[in-house]
């Protein structure tokens, strides 16, 4: 898989827009990033949950690697494009997009917090 294949797959999802974050392409649904391409265009990224990440790492250790540091611990997962196949990456992208939508839904259904005024 090449970077343009990854881009095509992500942009093929409904309501997905390409943007740029820190000088590399990212992909958003309702403004929320759920996938991106690294600067070198050799790696993609999908925003999975830590549990989803573990499943993909176990099933496809040559294709998926956690992002570095805290991002990786939160589920952000690198996709080695040279080793990637469309079916597996398609599943990961679909989950990442749904995760972004779920976060947006959870945020919009939270009760507003009331703050006490300091006297």
N, C-alpha and C. Protein backbone atom coordinates (compact mmCIF):
# COMPACT_ATOMS: atom_id res chain seq x y z
N UNK A 1 0.85 -1.17 0.00
CA UNK A 1 0.00 0.00 0.00
C UNK A 1 0.90 1.24 0.00
N UNK A 2 0.49 2.24 -0.72
CA UNK A 2 1.18 3.53 -0.79
C UNK A 2 0.37 4.57 -0.03
N UNK A 3 0.98 5.72 0.20
CA UNK A 3 0.31 6.81 0.92
C UNK A 3 -0.97 7.23 0.20
N UNK A 4 -0.95 7.26 -1.13
CA UNK A 4 -2.16 7.66 -1.85
C UNK A 4 -3.28 6.64 -1.72
N UNK A 5 -2.94 5.36 -1.55
CA UNK A 5 -3.96 4.34 -1.30
C UNK A 5 -4.62 4.58 0.06
N UNK A 6 -3.80 4.86 1.07
CA UNK A 6 -4.32 5.16 2.41
C UNK A 6 -5.22 6.38 2.35
N UNK A 7 -4.75 7.43 1.70
CA UNK A 7 -5.52 8.68 1.56
C UNK A 7 -6.86 8.40 0.87
N UNK A 8 -6.84 7.64 -0.21
CA UNK A 8 -8.06 7.32 -0.96
C UNK A 8 -9.06 6.57 -0.07
N UNK A 9 -8.56 5.62 0.70
CA UNK A 9 -9.44 4.84 1.58
C UNK A 9 -10.09 5.73 2.63
N UNK A 10 -9.28 6.58 3.25
CA UNK A 10 -9.81 7.44 4.31
C UNK A 10 -10.81 8.44 3.74
N UNK A 11 -10.44 9.07 2.63
CA UNK A 11 -11.32 10.08 2.04
C UNK A 11 -12.58 9.47 1.43
N UNK A 12 -12.58 8.17 1.23
CA UNK A 12 -13.77 7.48 0.74
C UNK A 12 -14.84 7.31 1.80
N UNK A 13 -14.51 7.63 3.03
CA UNK A 13 -15.48 7.51 4.12
C UNK A 13 -16.32 8.78 4.18
N UNK A 14 -17.58 8.62 4.43
CA UNK A 14 -18.53 9.73 4.44
C UNK A 14 -18.10 10.85 5.39
N UNK A 15 -18.24 12.08 4.92
CA UNK A 15 -18.00 13.30 5.71
C UNK A 15 -16.57 13.43 6.20
N UNK A 16 -15.62 12.84 5.50
CA UNK A 16 -14.22 12.95 5.87
C UNK A 16 -13.57 14.07 5.08
N UNK A 17 -12.77 14.87 5.79
CA UNK A 17 -12.06 15.98 5.15
C UNK A 17 -10.58 15.86 5.44
N UNK A 18 -9.77 16.25 4.47
CA UNK A 18 -8.32 16.27 4.67
C UNK A 18 -7.91 17.65 5.15
N UNK A 19 -7.05 17.67 6.14
CA UNK A 19 -6.49 18.91 6.65
C UNK A 19 -5.00 18.75 6.81
N UNK A 20 -4.43 19.58 7.64
CA UNK A 20 -3.00 19.50 7.91
C UNK A 20 -2.76 19.82 9.37
N UNK A 21 -1.92 19.03 9.98
CA UNK A 21 -1.58 19.22 11.39
C UNK A 21 -0.08 19.03 11.51
N UNK A 22 0.62 20.03 12.00
CA UNK A 22 2.07 19.95 12.15
C UNK A 22 2.74 19.59 10.82
N UNK A 23 2.26 20.17 9.75
CA UNK A 23 2.83 20.03 8.41
C UNK A 23 2.76 18.62 7.82
N UNK A 24 1.76 17.87 8.21
CA UNK A 24 1.51 16.60 7.53
C UNK A 24 0.01 16.40 7.40
N UNK A 25 -0.43 15.61 6.41
CA UNK A 25 -1.87 15.44 6.17
C UNK A 25 -2.56 14.73 7.32
N UNK A 26 -3.74 15.23 7.66
CA UNK A 26 -4.59 14.52 8.61
C UNK A 26 -5.99 14.41 8.03
N UNK A 27 -6.77 13.55 8.62
CA UNK A 27 -8.12 13.27 8.13
C UNK A 27 -9.08 13.37 9.29
N UNK A 28 -10.17 14.11 9.07
CA UNK A 28 -11.09 14.45 10.15
C UNK A 28 -12.53 14.14 9.78
N UNK A 29 -13.30 13.86 10.81
CA UNK A 29 -14.75 13.77 10.69
C UNK A 29 -15.30 14.75 11.72
N UNK A 30 -16.14 15.66 11.26
CA UNK A 30 -16.68 16.72 12.12
C UNK A 30 -15.58 17.42 12.90
N UNK A 31 -14.44 17.66 12.26
CA UNK A 31 -13.34 18.39 12.87
C UNK A 31 -12.43 17.58 13.75
N UNK A 32 -12.74 16.31 13.99
CA UNK A 32 -11.95 15.46 14.89
C UNK A 32 -11.02 14.57 14.08
N UNK A 33 -9.72 14.66 14.36
CA UNK A 33 -8.72 13.84 13.64
C UNK A 33 -8.87 12.38 14.05
N UNK A 34 -8.93 11.50 13.04
CA UNK A 34 -8.97 10.07 13.33
C UNK A 34 -7.91 9.29 12.56
N UNK A 35 -7.24 9.94 11.61
CA UNK A 35 -6.18 9.28 10.85
C UNK A 35 -5.25 10.36 10.31
N UNK A 36 -4.04 9.97 9.97
CA UNK A 36 -3.09 10.91 9.37
C UNK A 36 -2.03 10.15 8.61
N UNK A 37 -1.23 10.89 7.89
CA UNK A 37 -0.05 10.36 7.21
C UNK A 37 1.18 11.02 7.82
N UNK A 38 2.22 10.24 8.08
CA UNK A 38 3.46 10.79 8.60
C UNK A 38 4.17 11.59 7.51
N UNK A 39 5.11 12.43 7.93
CA UNK A 39 5.86 13.27 6.99
C UNK A 39 6.51 12.46 5.87
N UNK A 40 7.04 11.29 6.22
CA UNK A 40 7.78 10.50 5.23
C UNK A 40 6.88 9.73 4.26
N UNK A 41 5.57 9.75 4.51
CA UNK A 41 4.56 9.05 3.71
C UNK A 41 4.79 7.54 3.64
N UNK A 42 5.59 7.03 4.58
CA UNK A 42 5.80 5.58 4.70
C UNK A 42 4.88 4.97 5.76
N UNK A 43 4.34 5.84 6.60
CA UNK A 43 3.50 5.42 7.70
C UNK A 43 2.20 6.20 7.71
N UNK A 44 1.12 5.52 8.07
CA UNK A 44 -0.14 6.18 8.36
C UNK A 44 -0.37 6.10 9.85
N UNK A 45 -1.44 6.69 10.33
CA UNK A 45 -1.81 6.62 11.74
C UNK A 45 -3.32 6.50 11.83
N UNK A 46 -3.77 5.66 12.75
CA UNK A 46 -5.19 5.53 13.05
C UNK A 46 -5.36 5.69 14.56
N UNK A 47 -6.40 6.41 14.96
CA UNK A 47 -6.67 6.68 16.38
C UNK A 47 -7.61 5.61 16.93
N UNK A 48 -7.02 4.55 17.45
CA UNK A 48 -7.77 3.44 18.01
C UNK A 48 -7.87 3.60 19.51
N UNK A 49 -8.68 2.77 20.15
CA UNK A 49 -8.65 2.68 21.60
C UNK A 49 -7.47 1.78 21.96
N UNK A 50 -6.99 1.84 23.20
CA UNK A 50 -5.89 0.93 23.58
C UNK A 50 -6.25 -0.54 23.37
N UNK A 51 -7.50 -0.90 23.63
CA UNK A 51 -7.92 -2.30 23.44
C UNK A 51 -7.91 -2.69 21.97
N UNK A 52 -8.41 -1.81 21.12
CA UNK A 52 -8.39 -2.07 19.68
C UNK A 52 -6.95 -2.17 19.18
N UNK A 53 -6.12 -1.26 19.68
CA UNK A 53 -4.71 -1.27 19.28
C UNK A 53 -4.07 -2.62 19.59
N UNK A 54 -4.31 -3.14 20.79
CA UNK A 54 -3.72 -4.42 21.18
C UNK A 54 -4.15 -5.55 20.24
N UNK A 55 -5.40 -5.55 19.83
CA UNK A 55 -5.87 -6.58 18.90
C UNK A 55 -5.13 -6.50 17.57
N UNK A 56 -5.00 -5.28 17.02
CA UNK A 56 -4.30 -5.13 15.74
C UNK A 56 -2.82 -5.46 15.87
N UNK A 57 -2.19 -5.09 16.99
CA UNK A 57 -0.78 -5.41 17.19
C UNK A 57 -0.56 -6.92 17.26
N UNK A 58 -1.45 -7.62 17.95
CA UNK A 58 -1.32 -9.06 18.08
C UNK A 58 -1.56 -9.78 16.76
N UNK A 59 -2.56 -9.32 16.01
CA UNK A 59 -2.91 -9.97 14.74
C UNK A 59 -1.93 -9.64 13.62
N UNK A 60 -1.37 -8.43 13.64
CA UNK A 60 -0.55 -7.95 12.52
C UNK A 60 0.65 -7.15 13.02
N UNK A 61 1.61 -7.79 13.70
CA UNK A 61 2.72 -7.05 14.28
C UNK A 61 3.65 -6.40 13.25
N UNK A 62 3.66 -6.87 12.03
CA UNK A 62 4.48 -6.24 10.99
C UNK A 62 3.81 -5.01 10.40
N UNK A 63 2.52 -4.89 10.57
CA UNK A 63 1.75 -3.81 9.96
C UNK A 63 1.47 -2.67 10.94
N UNK A 64 1.30 -2.97 12.22
CA UNK A 64 0.89 -1.97 13.20
C UNK A 64 1.91 -1.86 14.33
N UNK A 65 2.16 -0.61 14.75
CA UNK A 65 3.09 -0.29 15.83
C UNK A 65 2.49 0.87 16.61
N UNK A 66 2.57 0.85 17.94
CA UNK A 66 2.05 2.01 18.68
C UNK A 66 2.86 3.27 18.34
N UNK A 67 2.19 4.41 18.33
CA UNK A 67 2.90 5.67 18.21
C UNK A 67 3.78 5.81 19.45
N UNK A 68 4.75 6.69 19.40
CA UNK A 68 5.66 6.88 20.52
C UNK A 68 4.99 7.55 21.71
N UNK A 69 5.44 7.22 22.90
CA UNK A 69 5.05 7.91 24.12
C UNK A 69 3.58 7.81 24.48
N UNK A 70 3.08 8.91 25.04
CA UNK A 70 1.71 8.95 25.54
C UNK A 70 0.69 8.73 24.43
N UNK A 71 0.98 9.21 23.23
CA UNK A 71 0.04 9.00 22.11
C UNK A 71 -0.17 7.50 21.88
N UNK A 72 0.89 6.76 21.89
CA UNK A 72 0.78 5.31 21.69
C UNK A 72 0.02 4.63 22.82
N UNK A 73 0.25 5.08 24.04
CA UNK A 73 -0.47 4.49 25.18
C UNK A 73 -1.96 4.81 25.12
N UNK A 74 -2.34 5.89 24.44
CA UNK A 74 -3.76 6.24 24.30
C UNK A 74 -4.43 5.49 23.14
N UNK A 75 -3.65 4.72 22.36
CA UNK A 75 -4.22 3.93 21.28
C UNK A 75 -3.84 4.40 19.88
N UNK A 76 -3.16 5.54 19.77
CA UNK A 76 -2.75 6.02 18.46
C UNK A 76 -1.75 5.03 17.88
N UNK A 77 -2.01 4.58 16.68
CA UNK A 77 -1.30 3.43 16.12
C UNK A 77 -0.76 3.73 14.73
N UNK A 78 0.54 3.47 14.55
CA UNK A 78 1.16 3.65 13.24
C UNK A 78 0.83 2.45 12.36
N UNK A 79 0.66 2.74 11.07
CA UNK A 79 0.41 1.71 10.07
C UNK A 79 1.59 1.71 9.10
N UNK A 80 2.33 0.63 9.04
CA UNK A 80 3.45 0.50 8.11
C UNK A 80 2.86 0.22 6.73
N UNK A 81 2.81 1.25 5.89
CA UNK A 81 2.10 1.15 4.62
C UNK A 81 2.68 0.08 3.70
N UNK A 82 3.98 -0.11 3.71
CA UNK A 82 4.60 -1.11 2.83
C UNK A 82 4.12 -2.52 3.16
N UNK A 83 3.72 -2.76 4.40
CA UNK A 83 3.25 -4.09 4.83
C UNK A 83 1.73 -4.19 4.89
N UNK A 84 1.05 -3.11 4.58
CA UNK A 84 -0.40 -3.04 4.81
C UNK A 84 -1.21 -3.67 3.70
N UNK A 85 -2.35 -4.25 4.09
CA UNK A 85 -3.32 -4.71 3.10
C UNK A 85 -4.61 -3.93 3.32
N UNK A 86 -5.34 -3.73 2.24
CA UNK A 86 -6.52 -2.84 2.28
C UNK A 86 -7.60 -3.31 3.23
N UNK A 87 -7.84 -4.60 3.31
CA UNK A 87 -8.91 -5.09 4.19
C UNK A 87 -8.62 -4.77 5.65
N UNK A 88 -7.41 -5.06 6.10
CA UNK A 88 -7.04 -4.84 7.49
C UNK A 88 -7.00 -3.35 7.81
N UNK A 89 -6.39 -2.57 6.94
CA UNK A 89 -6.32 -1.12 7.16
C UNK A 89 -7.73 -0.52 7.10
N UNK A 90 -8.56 -1.03 6.22
CA UNK A 90 -9.94 -0.55 6.14
C UNK A 90 -10.69 -0.76 7.44
N UNK A 91 -10.47 -1.90 8.09
CA UNK A 91 -11.10 -2.15 9.39
C UNK A 91 -10.60 -1.16 10.43
N UNK A 92 -9.29 -0.92 10.43
CA UNK A 92 -8.70 0.01 11.41
C UNK A 92 -9.20 1.44 11.19
N UNK A 93 -9.27 1.86 9.94
CA UNK A 93 -9.76 3.21 9.63
C UNK A 93 -11.22 3.35 10.05
N UNK A 94 -12.02 2.33 9.78
CA UNK A 94 -13.44 2.37 10.14
C UNK A 94 -13.60 2.50 11.65
N UNK A 95 -12.82 1.74 12.42
CA UNK A 95 -12.89 1.83 13.88
C UNK A 95 -12.43 3.20 14.37
N UNK A 96 -11.35 3.72 13.78
CA UNK A 96 -10.84 5.03 14.19
C UNK A 96 -11.87 6.13 13.93
N UNK A 97 -12.52 6.08 12.78
CA UNK A 97 -13.55 7.07 12.46
C UNK A 97 -14.71 6.97 13.45
N UNK A 98 -15.13 5.75 13.74
CA UNK A 98 -16.23 5.56 14.69
C UNK A 98 -15.84 6.04 16.09
N UNK A 99 -14.59 5.81 16.48
CA UNK A 99 -14.11 6.30 17.77
C UNK A 99 -14.23 7.82 17.85
N UNK A 100 -13.84 8.50 16.76
CA UNK A 100 -13.93 9.96 16.73
C UNK A 100 -15.38 10.41 16.85
N UNK A 101 -16.27 9.76 16.13
CA UNK A 101 -17.69 10.12 16.21
C UNK A 101 -18.25 9.84 17.60
N UNK A 102 -17.83 8.74 18.21
CA UNK A 102 -18.29 8.42 19.57
C UNK A 102 -17.85 9.49 20.56
N UNK A 103 -16.61 9.98 20.43
CA UNK A 103 -16.12 11.03 21.33
C UNK A 103 -16.93 12.31 21.14
N UNK A 104 -17.24 12.63 19.89
CA UNK A 104 -18.04 13.83 19.63
C UNK A 104 -19.44 13.70 20.24
N UNK A 105 -20.03 12.53 20.12
CA UNK A 105 -21.36 12.30 20.68
C UNK A 105 -21.32 12.38 22.19
N UNK A 106 -20.32 11.78 22.80
CA UNK A 106 -20.20 11.81 24.25
C UNK A 106 -20.02 13.25 24.74
N UNK A 107 -19.25 14.03 24.02
CA UNK A 107 -19.01 15.42 24.41
C UNK A 107 -20.29 16.24 24.32
N UNK A 108 -21.09 15.99 23.29
CA UNK A 108 -22.30 16.80 23.11
C UNK A 108 -23.43 16.40 24.05
N UNK A 109 -23.35 15.21 24.64
CA UNK A 109 -24.42 14.76 25.54
C UNK A 109 -24.09 14.97 27.02
N UNK A 110 -22.89 15.48 27.32
CA UNK A 110 -22.52 15.76 28.71
C UNK A 110 -23.34 16.92 29.24
N UNK A 111 -23.65 16.83 30.51
CA UNK A 111 -24.35 17.94 31.16
C UNK A 111 -23.34 19.08 31.35
N UNK A 112 -23.80 20.31 31.15
CA UNK A 112 -22.89 21.42 31.42
C UNK A 112 -22.59 21.49 32.92
N UNK A 113 -21.35 21.80 33.23
CA UNK A 113 -20.99 21.92 34.64
C UNK A 113 -21.32 23.32 35.12
N UNK A 114 -21.74 23.40 36.34
CA UNK A 114 -22.03 24.72 36.91
C UNK A 114 -20.89 25.07 37.85
N UNK A 115 -20.46 26.28 37.75
CA UNK A 115 -19.35 26.73 38.59
C UNK A 115 -19.89 27.73 39.61
N UNK A 116 -19.37 27.60 40.77
CA UNK A 116 -19.73 28.57 41.81
C UNK A 116 -18.88 29.81 41.63
N UNK A 117 -19.51 30.91 41.87
CA UNK A 117 -18.78 32.17 41.80
C UNK A 117 -17.96 32.35 43.08
N UNK A 118 -16.74 32.78 42.90
CA UNK A 118 -15.92 33.11 44.07
C UNK A 118 -16.38 34.44 44.63
N UNK A 119 -16.45 34.53 45.94
CA UNK A 119 -16.89 35.78 46.57
C UNK A 119 -15.73 36.54 47.13
